[in-house]
C-alpha atoms as a PDB file:
ATOM      1  CA  MET A   1     109.148  38.803  27.644  1.00  0.00           C
ATOM      2  CA  PRO A   2     110.062  42.453  26.715  1.00  0.00           C
ATOM      3  CA  TYR A   3     109.362  43.803  23.302  1.00  0.00           C
ATOM      4  CA  ILE A   4     111.379  46.351  21.385  1.00  0.00           C
ATOM      5  CA  THR A   5     110.155  47.921  17.984  1.00  0.00           C
ATOM      6  CA  ILE A   6     112.774  49.725  15.492  1.00  0.00           C
ATOM      7  CA  ILE A   7     111.712  52.187  12.978  1.00  0.00           C
ATOM      8  CA  SER A   8     114.458  53.703  10.787  1.00  0.00           C
ATOM      9  CA  ASP A   9     115.598  55.252   7.466  1.00  0.00           C
ATOM     10  CA  TRP A  10     117.961  52.595   6.898  1.00  0.00           C
ATOM     11  CA  GLN A  11     116.929  51.406   3.269  1.00  0.00           C
ATOM     12  CA  ARG A  12     120.269  50.087   1.684  1.00  0.00           C
ATOM     13  CA  GLY A  13     121.366  47.442   3.924  1.00  0.00           C
ATOM     14  CA  ASP A  14     124.075  49.162   5.653  1.00  0.00           C
ATOM     15  CA  TYR A  15     125.212  47.640   8.876  1.00  0.00           C
ATOM     16  CA  TYR A  16     123.464  49.902  11.010  1.00  0.00           C
ATOM     17  CA  LEU A  17     120.426  47.650  11.838  1.00  0.00           C
ATOM     18  CA  ALA A  18     122.410  44.591  12.164  1.00  0.00           C
ATOM     19  CA  ALA A  19     124.854  46.401  14.747  1.00  0.00           C
ATOM     20  CA  VAL A  20     121.575  47.863  16.648  1.00  0.00           C
ATOM     21  CA  LYS A  21     120.091  44.482  16.720  1.00  0.00           C
ATOM     22  CA  GLY A  22     122.995  42.786  18.074  1.00  0.00           C
ATOM     23  CA  LYS A  23     123.487  45.265  20.749  1.00  0.00           C
ATOM     24  CA  LEU A  24     120.082  44.835  21.807  1.00  0.00           C
ATOM     25  CA  TYR A  25     120.138  41.081  21.967  1.00  0.00           C
ATOM     26  CA  SER A  26     123.556  41.228  23.717  1.00  0.00           C
ATOM     27  CA  LEU A  27     121.955  43.287  26.501  1.00  0.00           C
ATOM     28  CA  VAL A  28     118.484  41.725  26.468  1.00  0.00           C
ATOM     29  CA  PRO A  29     118.956  38.008  25.673  1.00  0.00           C
ATOM     30  CA  GLN A  30     115.204  37.185  25.824  1.00  0.00           C
ATOM     31  CA  LEU A  31     114.385  40.247  23.896  1.00  0.00           C
ATOM     32  CA  THR A  32     111.687  40.200  21.103  1.00  0.00           C
ATOM     33  CA  LEU A  33     112.576  42.553  18.295  1.00  0.00           C
ATOM     34  CA  ILE A  34     110.244  43.884  15.841  1.00  0.00           C
ATOM     35  CA  ASP A  35     110.859  45.900  12.531  1.00  0.00           C
ATOM     36  CA  ILE A  36     108.114  48.183  11.955  1.00  0.00           C
ATOM     37  CA  THR A  37     109.818  49.392   8.722  1.00  0.00           C
ATOM     38  CA  HIS A  38     113.397  50.534   7.583  1.00  0.00           C
ATOM     39  CA  SER A  39     111.909  52.123   4.359  1.00  0.00           C
ATOM     40  CA  VAL A  40     111.221  55.618   5.748  1.00  0.00           C
ATOM     41  CA  SER A  41     112.667  58.455   3.484  1.00  0.00           C
ATOM     42  CA  ALA A  42     115.819  59.732   4.592  1.00  0.00           C
ATOM     43  CA  PHE A  43     115.616  62.196   7.614  1.00  0.00           C
ATOM     44  CA  ASN A  44     111.458  62.139   6.850  1.00  0.00           C
ATOM     45  CA  SER A  45     110.408  62.574  10.452  1.00  0.00           C
ATOM     46  CA  ARG A  46     106.808  63.284   9.583  1.00  0.00           C
ATOM     47  CA  MET A  47     106.536  60.030   7.743  1.00  0.00           C
ATOM     48  CA  ALA A  48     107.753  58.072  10.682  1.00  0.00           C
ATOM     49  CA  ALA A  49     105.615  59.945  12.785  1.00  0.00           C
ATOM     50  CA  PHE A  50     102.555  58.995  10.462  1.00  0.00           C
ATOM     51  CA  ILE A  51     103.627  55.279  10.761  1.00  0.00           C
ATOM     52  CA  LEU A  52     104.201  55.165  14.446  1.00  0.00           C
ATOM     53  CA  ARG A  53     101.107  56.901  15.149  1.00  0.00           C
ATOM     54  CA  HIS A  54      99.142  54.300  13.320  1.00  0.00           C
ATOM     55  CA  SER A  55     100.801  51.449  14.807  1.00  0.00           C
ATOM     56  CA  PHE A  56     102.215  51.709  18.175  1.00  0.00           C
ATOM     57  CA  ARG A  57      98.830  50.928  20.047  1.00  0.00           C
ATOM     58  CA  ALA A  58      98.893  47.457  18.301  1.00  0.00           C
ATOM     59  CA  TYR A  59     101.719  46.437  20.428  1.00  0.00           C
ATOM     60  CA  PRO A  60     101.628  44.857  23.901  1.00  0.00           C
ATOM     61  CA  PRO A  61     101.643  47.640  26.738  1.00  0.00           C
ATOM     62  CA  GLY A  62     105.368  48.003  27.977  1.00  0.00           C
ATOM     63  CA  THR A  63     106.678  47.910  24.395  1.00  0.00           C
ATOM     64  CA  ILE A  64     109.742  50.072  23.964  1.00  0.00           C
ATOM     65  CA  HIS A  65     109.611  51.870  20.488  1.00  0.00           C
ATOM     66  CA  MET A  66     112.840  52.951  19.078  1.00  0.00           C
ATOM     67  CA  ILE A  67     112.751  55.714  16.431  1.00  0.00           C
ATOM     68  CA  CYS A  68     115.944  55.715  14.454  1.00  0.00           C
ATOM     69  CA  VAL A  69     115.146  58.578  11.829  1.00  0.00           C
ATOM     70  CA  ASN A  70     116.813  61.926  11.851  1.00  0.00           C
ATOM     71  CA  THR A  71     118.743  61.504  15.148  1.00  0.00           C
ATOM     72  CA  LEU A  72     121.904  63.352  14.578  1.00  0.00           C
ATOM     73  CA  GLU A  73     123.444  64.765  17.849  1.00  0.00           C
ATOM     74  CA  SER A  74     122.299  68.432  18.441  1.00  0.00           C
ATOM     75  CA  SER A  75     121.986  70.920  21.200  1.00  0.00           C
ATOM     76  CA  GLU A  76     118.503  71.782  19.764  1.00  0.00           C
ATOM     77  CA  TYR A  77     117.221  68.510  19.736  1.00  0.00           C
ATOM     78  CA  PRO A  78     118.013  66.356  22.824  1.00  0.00           C
ATOM     79  CA  TYR A  79     117.529  62.429  23.278  1.00  0.00           C
ATOM     80  CA  VAL A  80     114.778  61.809  25.311  1.00  0.00           C
ATOM     81  CA  ALA A  81     112.723  58.857  26.629  1.00  0.00           C
ATOM     82  CA  VAL A  82     108.813  59.192  26.904  1.00  0.00           C
ATOM     83  CA  PHE A  83     106.361  56.976  28.555  1.00  0.00           C
ATOM     84  CA  TYR A  84     102.827  57.614  26.736  1.00  0.00           C
ATOM     85  CA  LYS A  85      99.519  55.448  26.915  1.00  0.00           C
ATOM     86  CA  GLY A  86     101.498  52.366  28.643  1.00  0.00           C
ATOM     87  CA  HIS A  87     104.292  52.436  25.770  1.00  0.00           C
ATOM     88  CA  TYR A  88     107.940  53.783  25.816  1.00  0.00           C
ATOM     89  CA  PHE A  89     109.465  55.831  22.950  1.00  0.00           C
ATOM     90  CA  VAL A  90     113.173  56.711  22.653  1.00  0.00           C
ATOM     91  CA  GLY A  91     114.537  59.060  20.257  1.00  0.00           C
ATOM     92  CA  VAL A  92     115.374  62.619  19.384  1.00  0.00           C
ATOM     93  CA  ASP A  93     112.768  65.288  20.220  1.00  0.00           C
ATOM     94  CA  ASN A  94     112.691  67.302  17.159  1.00  0.00           C
ATOM     95  CA  GLY A  95     109.059  67.686  17.488  1.00  0.00           C
ATOM     96  CA  ILE A  96     108.332  64.025  16.113  1.00  0.00           C
ATOM     97  CA  PHE A  97     106.576  63.246  19.476  1.00  0.00           C
ATOM     98  CA  SER A  98     104.038  66.044  19.105  1.00  0.00           C
ATOM     99  CA  LEU A  99     103.031  64.236  15.585  1.00  0.00           C
ATOM    100  CA  ILE A 100     102.661  60.853  17.001  1.00  0.00           C
ATOM    101  CA  PHE A 101     100.692  61.662  20.368  1.00  0.00           C
ATOM    102  CA  ASP A 102      97.699  63.469  20.833  1.00  0.00           C
ATOM    103  CA  ASP A 103      97.933  64.443  24.331  1.00  0.00           C
ATOM    104  CA  LYS A 104     100.514  66.693  25.856  1.00  0.00           C
ATOM    105  CA  ILE A 105     103.379  64.871  26.819  1.00  0.00           C
ATOM    106  CA  ASP A 106     103.785  64.685  30.690  1.00  0.00           C
ATOM    107  CA  ASN A 107     106.102  61.864  31.272  1.00  0.00           C
ATOM    108  CA  ALA A 108     109.495  62.389  29.505  1.00  0.00           C
ATOM    109  CA  VAL A 109     113.102  62.473  30.412  1.00  0.00           C
ATOM    110  CA  TYR A 110     116.474  63.468  28.957  1.00  0.00           C
ATOM    111  CA  ILE A 111     118.566  60.366  27.906  1.00  0.00           C
ATOM    112  CA  GLU A 112     122.071  61.038  29.838  1.00  0.00           C
ATOM    113  CA  TYR A 113     124.853  60.120  28.185  1.00  0.00           C
ATOM    114  CA  SER A 114     128.669  60.864  28.234  1.00  0.00           C
ATOM    115  CA  ALA A 115     130.399  60.587  24.834  1.00  0.00           C
ATOM    116  CA  THR A 116     129.903  62.237  21.535  1.00  0.00           C
ATOM    117  CA  THR A 117     128.953  59.574  18.784  1.00  0.00           C
ATOM    118  CA  THR A 118     128.217  59.440  15.226  1.00  0.00           C
ATOM    119  CA  PHE A 119     126.029  56.309  15.763  1.00  0.00           C
ATOM    120  CA  PRO A 120     123.595  57.546  18.270  1.00  0.00           C
ATOM    121  CA  GLU A 121     121.047  54.771  17.573  1.00  0.00           C
ATOM    122  CA  TYR A 122     123.838  52.038  18.804  1.00  0.00           C
ATOM    123  CA  ASP A 123     125.480  54.447  21.408  1.00  0.00           C
ATOM    124  CA  ILE A 124     122.769  55.984  23.099  1.00  0.00           C
ATOM    125  CA  LEU A 125     119.106  54.874  22.226  1.00  0.00           C
ATOM    126  CA  ALA A 126     119.809  51.223  22.245  1.00  0.00           C
ATOM    127  CA  GLU A 127     121.460  51.447  25.797  1.00  0.00           C
ATOM    128  CA  ALA A 128     118.326  53.421  26.733  1.00  0.00           C
ATOM    129  CA  ALA A 129     115.997  51.013  25.377  1.00  0.00           C
ATOM    130  CA  ALA A 130     117.704  47.992  26.677  1.00  0.00           C
ATOM    131  CA  PHE A 131     117.415  49.604  30.127  1.00  0.00           C
ATOM    132  CA  LEU A 132     113.750  49.845  30.094  1.00  0.00           C
ATOM    133  CA  ALA A 133     113.679  46.449  28.380  1.00  0.00           C
ATOM    134  CA  ASN A 134     115.444  44.860  31.439  1.00  0.00           C
ATOM    135  CA  GLY A 135     112.872  46.315  33.963  1.00  0.00           C
ATOM    136  CA  GLY A 136     114.687  49.915  34.552  1.00  0.00           C
ATOM    137  CA  ASP A 137     112.759  52.925  35.787  1.00  0.00           C
ATOM    138  CA  ILE A 138     112.713  55.521  33.073  1.00  0.00           C
ATOM    139  CA  HIS A 139     113.337  58.155  35.615  1.00  0.00           C
ATOM    140  CA  GLN A 140     116.720  56.880  36.092  1.00  0.00           C
ATOM    141  CA  LEU A 141     117.816  57.770  32.485  1.00  0.00           C
ATOM    142  CA  GLY A 142     117.849  61.174  33.169  1.00  0.00           C
ATOM    143  CA  GLU A 143     116.491  64.691  34.366  1.00  0.00           C
ATOM    144  CA  PRO A 144     112.600  65.221  33.640  1.00  0.00           C
ATOM    145  CA  TYR A 145     112.330  66.731  30.228  1.00  0.00           C
ATOM    146  CA  VAL A 146     109.338  69.387  30.447  1.00  0.00           C
ATOM    147  CA  ASN A 147     109.387  71.301  27.407  1.00  0.00           C
ATOM    148  CA  PRO A 148     108.888  69.101  24.567  1.00  0.00           C
ATOM    149  CA  ILE A 149     109.249  70.812  20.807  1.00  0.00           C
ATOM    150  CA  ARG A 150     106.076  71.019  18.877  1.00  0.00           C
ATOM    151  CA  MET A 151     106.018  70.563  15.258  1.00  0.00           C
ATOM    152  CA  GLN A 152     103.476  72.084  13.279  1.00  0.00           C
ATOM    153  CA  ARG A 153     100.767  69.487  12.466  1.00  0.00           C
ATOM    154  CA  PHE A 154      99.073  69.880   8.994  1.00  0.00           C
ATOM    155  CA  LEU A 155      95.112  70.187   9.470  1.00  0.00           C
ATOM    156  CA  PRO A 156      92.380  70.875   6.987  1.00  0.00           C
ATOM    157  CA  SER A 157      90.934  74.034   6.631  1.00  0.00           C
ATOM    158  CA  PHE A 158      87.408  74.984   5.699  1.00  0.00           C
ATOM    159  CA  HIS A 159      86.454  78.224   3.714  1.00  0.00           C
ATOM    160  CA  GLY A 160      83.097  78.957   2.024  1.00  0.00           C
ATOM    161  CA  ASN A 161      82.004  75.539   0.626  1.00  0.00           C
ATOM    162  CA  THR A 162      85.374  73.756   0.675  1.00  0.00           C
ATOM    163  CA  ILE A 163      87.874  71.860   2.656  1.00  0.00           C
ATOM    164  CA  THR A 164      91.350  72.030   1.770  1.00  0.00           C
ATOM    165  CA  GLY A 165      93.486  69.368   2.809  1.00  0.00           C
ATOM    166  CA  MET A 166      96.995  67.719   1.905  1.00  0.00           C
ATOM    167  CA  ILE A 167      98.188  64.358   1.007  1.00  0.00           C
ATOM    168  CA  ILE A 168     100.205  63.267   4.050  1.00  0.00           C
ATOM    169  CA  TYR A 169     101.171  59.801   2.915  1.00  0.00           C
ATOM    170  CA  VAL A 170     101.566  57.701   0.120  1.00  0.00           C
ATOM    171  CA  ASP A 171     101.391  54.032   0.850  1.00  0.00           C
ATOM    172  CA  THR A 172     103.227  51.034  -0.930  1.00  0.00           C
ATOM    173  CA  TYR A 173     100.219  50.670  -3.315  1.00  0.00           C
ATOM    174  CA  GLY A 174     100.178  54.341  -4.305  1.00  0.00           C
ATOM    175  CA  ASN A 175      97.218  55.090  -2.373  1.00  0.00           C
ATOM    176  CA  LEU A 176      97.079  58.873  -1.557  1.00  0.00           C
ATOM    177  CA  ILE A 177      96.183  59.202   2.150  1.00  0.00           C
ATOM    178  CA  SER A 178      95.256  62.808   3.053  1.00  0.00           C
ATOM    179  CA  ASN A 179      94.591  64.934   6.440  1.00  0.00           C
ATOM    180  CA  ILE A 180      91.106  64.991   5.894  1.00  0.00           C
ATOM    181  CA  SER A 181      89.534  62.787   8.779  1.00  0.00           C
ATOM    182  CA  LYS A 182      86.103  61.070   8.516  1.00  0.00           C
ATOM    183  CA  ASP A 183      84.392  63.056  11.277  1.00  0.00           C
ATOM    184  CA  TYR A 184      85.853  66.371   9.815  1.00  0.00           C
ATOM    185  CA  PHE A 185      84.272  65.560   6.390  1.00  0.00           C
ATOM    186  CA  LEU A 186      80.901  64.439   7.705  1.00  0.00           C
ATOM    187  CA  HIS A 187      80.507  67.363  10.004  1.00  0.00           C
ATOM    188  CA  LYS A 188      81.420  69.958   7.216  1.00  0.00           C
ATOM    189  CA  ALA A 189      79.030  68.028   4.653  1.00  0.00           C
ATOM    190  CA  ASN A 190      75.875  68.511   6.479  1.00  0.00           C
ATOM    191  CA  ASN A 191      74.327  66.178   3.866  1.00  0.00           C
ATOM    192  CA  GLN A 192      75.465  67.986   0.821  1.00  0.00           C
ATOM    193  CA  PRO A 193      76.684  66.533  -2.427  1.00  0.00           C
ATOM    194  CA  PHE A 194      80.052  67.034  -3.116  1.00  0.00           C
ATOM    195  CA  GLU A 195      83.126  66.448  -5.341  1.00  0.00           C
ATOM    196  CA  ILE A 196      86.614  65.765  -4.848  1.00  0.00           C
ATOM    197  CA  LEU A 197      89.578  67.620  -6.700  1.00  0.00           C
ATOM    198  CA  LEU A 198      92.951  66.535  -7.185  1.00  0.00           C
ATOM    199  CA  ASP A 199      95.713  68.462  -9.177  1.00  0.00           C
ATOM    200  CA  TRP A 200      93.755  71.781  -9.529  1.00  0.00           C
ATOM    201  CA  GLY A 201      90.652  70.158 -10.397  1.00  0.00           C
ATOM    202  CA  TYR A 202      91.790  68.050 -13.231  1.00  0.00           C
ATOM    203  CA  TYR A 203      90.915  64.920 -11.401  1.00  0.00           C
ATOM    204  CA  ARG A 204      87.401  64.820  -9.918  1.00  0.00           C
ATOM    205  CA  ILE A 205      85.485  62.105  -7.918  1.00  0.00           C
ATOM    206  CA  HIS A 206      81.998  62.564  -6.754  1.00  0.00           C
ATOM    207  CA  SER A 207      81.303  59.491  -4.768  1.00  0.00           C
ATOM    208  CA  LEU A 208      82.529  57.396  -1.851  1.00  0.00           C
ATOM    209  CA  SER A 209      83.426  53.931  -1.972  1.00  0.00           C
ATOM    210  CA  GLN A 210      83.311  51.452   0.936  1.00  0.00           C
ATOM    211  CA  HIS A 211      85.903  48.956  -0.367  1.00  0.00           C
ATOM    212  CA  TYR A 212      88.608  48.733  -3.099  1.00  0.00           C
ATOM    213  CA  ASP A 213      87.521  45.549  -4.927  1.00  0.00           C
ATOM    214  CA  LYS A 214      83.715  46.754  -5.389  1.00  0.00           C
ATOM    215  CA  GLU A 215      84.681  49.065  -8.111  1.00  0.00           C
ATOM    216  CA  LYS A 216      85.934  48.778 -11.951  1.00  0.00           C
ATOM    217  CA  TYR A 217      89.615  47.736 -12.449  1.00  0.00           C
ATOM    218  CA  GLY A 218      91.576  51.237 -13.245  1.00  0.00           C
ATOM    219  CA  GLU A 219      88.995  53.182 -11.486  1.00  0.00           C
ATOM    220  CA  LEU A 220      89.984  56.446  -9.290  1.00  0.00           C
ATOM    221  CA  ILE A 221      88.003  55.992  -6.000  1.00  0.00           C
ATOM    222  CA  ALA A 222      87.921  57.753  -2.728  1.00  0.00           C
ATOM    223  CA  LEU A 223      87.223  56.163   0.581  1.00  0.00           C
ATOM    224  CA  PHE A 224      87.849  56.413   4.156  1.00  0.00           C
ATOM    225  CA  ASN A 225      90.673  53.999   5.262  1.00  0.00           C
ATOM    226  CA  SER A 226      91.164  51.898   8.427  1.00  0.00           C
ATOM    227  CA  VAL A 227      92.505  54.908  10.439  1.00  0.00           C
ATOM    228  CA  GLY A 228      89.672  57.063   9.330  1.00  0.00           C
ATOM    229  CA  LEU A 229      91.208  59.257   6.640  1.00  0.00           C
ATOM    230  CA  LEU A 230      90.297  60.334   3.266  1.00  0.00           C
ATOM    231  CA  GLU A 231      92.178  58.200   0.837  1.00  0.00           C
ATOM    232  CA  ILE A 232      92.412  58.298  -3.165  1.00  0.00           C
ATOM    233  CA  ALA A 233      93.095  55.085  -4.646  1.00  0.00           C
ATOM    234  CA  MET A 234      93.163  53.359  -7.900  1.00  0.00           C
ATOM    235  CA  VAL A 235      91.699  49.987  -8.278  1.00  0.00           C
ATOM    236  CA  GLY A 236      94.417  47.603  -9.317  1.00  0.00           C
ATOM    237  CA  GLY A 237      97.056  50.262  -9.952  1.00  0.00           C
ATOM    238  CA  SER A 238      98.954  53.243  -8.188  1.00  0.00           C
ATOM    239  CA  ALA A 239      97.163  56.619  -8.212  1.00  0.00           C
ATOM    240  CA  SER A 240     100.428  58.240  -7.083  1.00  0.00           C
ATOM    241  CA  ASP A 241     102.316  56.987 -10.170  1.00  0.00           C
ATOM    242  CA  VAL A 242      99.155  57.561 -12.815  1.00  0.00           C
ATOM    243  CA  LEU A 243      98.432  60.868 -11.449  1.00  0.00           C
ATOM    244  CA  ASN A 244     102.048  61.919 -10.602  1.00  0.00           C
ATOM    245  CA  ILE A 245     100.479  63.268  -7.086  1.00  0.00           C
ATOM    246  CA  HIS A 246     102.744  62.730  -4.231  1.00  0.00           C
ATOM    247  CA  GLU A 247     103.082  63.827  -0.350  1.00  0.00           C
ATOM    248  CA  GLU A 248     102.167  67.714   0.235  1.00  0.00           C
ATOM    249  CA  ALA A 249      99.999  67.994  -2.763  1.00  0.00           C
ATOM    250  CA  GLU A 250      96.723  69.565  -2.233  1.00  0.00           C
ATOM    251  CA  ILE A 251      93.304  67.758  -2.085  1.00  0.00           C
ATOM    252  CA  LEU A 252      89.990  69.729  -2.206  1.00  0.00           C
ATOM    253  CA  VAL A 253      86.656  68.756  -1.070  1.00  0.00           C
ATOM    254  CA  ARG A 254      83.970  71.237  -2.253  1.00  0.00           C
ATOM    255  CA  PHE A 255      80.327  70.937  -1.407  1.00  0.00           C
ATOM    256  CA  LEU A 256      77.544  71.650  -4.116  1.00  0.00           C
ATOM    257  CA  LYS A 257      74.421  72.939  -4.117  1.00  0.00           C
ATOM    258  CA  GLU A 258      71.851  70.787  -5.832  1.00  0.00           C
ATOM    259  CA  GLU A 259      71.801  72.402  -9.313  1.00  0.00           C
ATOM    260  CA  GLN A 260      75.434  72.026  -9.475  1.00  0.00           C
ATOM    261  CA  ARG A 261      75.732  68.301  -9.409  1.00  0.00           C
ATOM    262  CA  LYS A 262      77.895  66.837 -12.123  1.00  0.00           C
ATOM    263  CA  ASP A 263      76.667  63.537 -12.372  1.00  0.00           C
ATOM    264  CA  ASN A 264      74.052  60.980 -11.022  1.00  0.00           C
ATOM    265  CA  ASN A 265      76.829  59.270  -9.191  1.00  0.00           C
ATOM    266  CA  THR A 266      76.968  61.940  -6.533  1.00  0.00           C
ATOM    267  CA  LEU A 267      76.840  60.364  -3.138  1.00  0.00           C
ATOM    268  CA  LEU A 268      74.162  61.975  -0.751  1.00  0.00           C
ATOM    269  CA  LEU A 269      75.809  61.577   2.875  1.00  0.00           C
ATOM    270  CA  LYS A 270      73.385  60.078   5.576  1.00  0.00           C
END
C-alpha cells in the first residue's frame, strides 16, 4: 500500500488541501495519505524543511513526500522529484532540499508538465506523486536534474570562548530550538562550566536539564531535545511568549573560567 505525506502552509481551511487529497485518492484508490502539518508559516521554506528533515525517516521506505510550500511557478526554481534514502520527494527546488538532506542529491529529475497553472500542487505535484505511488519510475517524470540549488544553512560559530547560535524553530509549546547540536556543544565545552545567554544576556541559564518535568513550574531550562539540538523551554509555559523571543534570535553559550562561575548550579560536563 503506497504512502504519501503532505506538508503545506494551508492554514485557513481553504479548498486546496481537500482538492489535492481528492485528486490523489482518485488516481491512487488504495493510497494512505498522511498530513505532516498544514501550519507552516506562509512561504516559509526553512520551517517546512526543519519539520520534514526531522520526520521523514520515521515513515516506511518508498513513502512519497509532497512539499506544498512556496510552490509558485518560476523559471528560476523548477519542479523536481528526488529520491533520497529510500524516500521520494516532490516540490520546487528553491533550495529547500539542501536543508532537508545532509548529503548531496544524486538522484533527481525535472517534473515535466505542459500547462501553466496557478495551482501547481494539484496540477503538477499531485500528478507526479500519484505516478510514483502507482509504481512509476522516477526517471520517467523528466530529464535528470543535476544542479540542485543550495540554500545557506545557518550553522553555529565559535570565537574565543563563545558559541554563537540562532533560534531556528519555535514549536507548539513555545520551546526555542537552536541550531547548536549536542556534539558541537560538547566538543567546544571541553569540560568547562558555561552560561547560556538570550536577549543579549538578559536571560541566563547555567545548567542543562535532562527532562522537562524535573524542574520547578515556570522555570527556564535548557536541554538537548530528541533530535540532539539545544532547546530552551519554560516548564509549564511558553518560553517564546514569556521571553518575547522568536525564530532568528541569537543564542550564546559562553564557557567560563573557574572564577567566573555565577552560582553553584553550573553544570560541569562529563
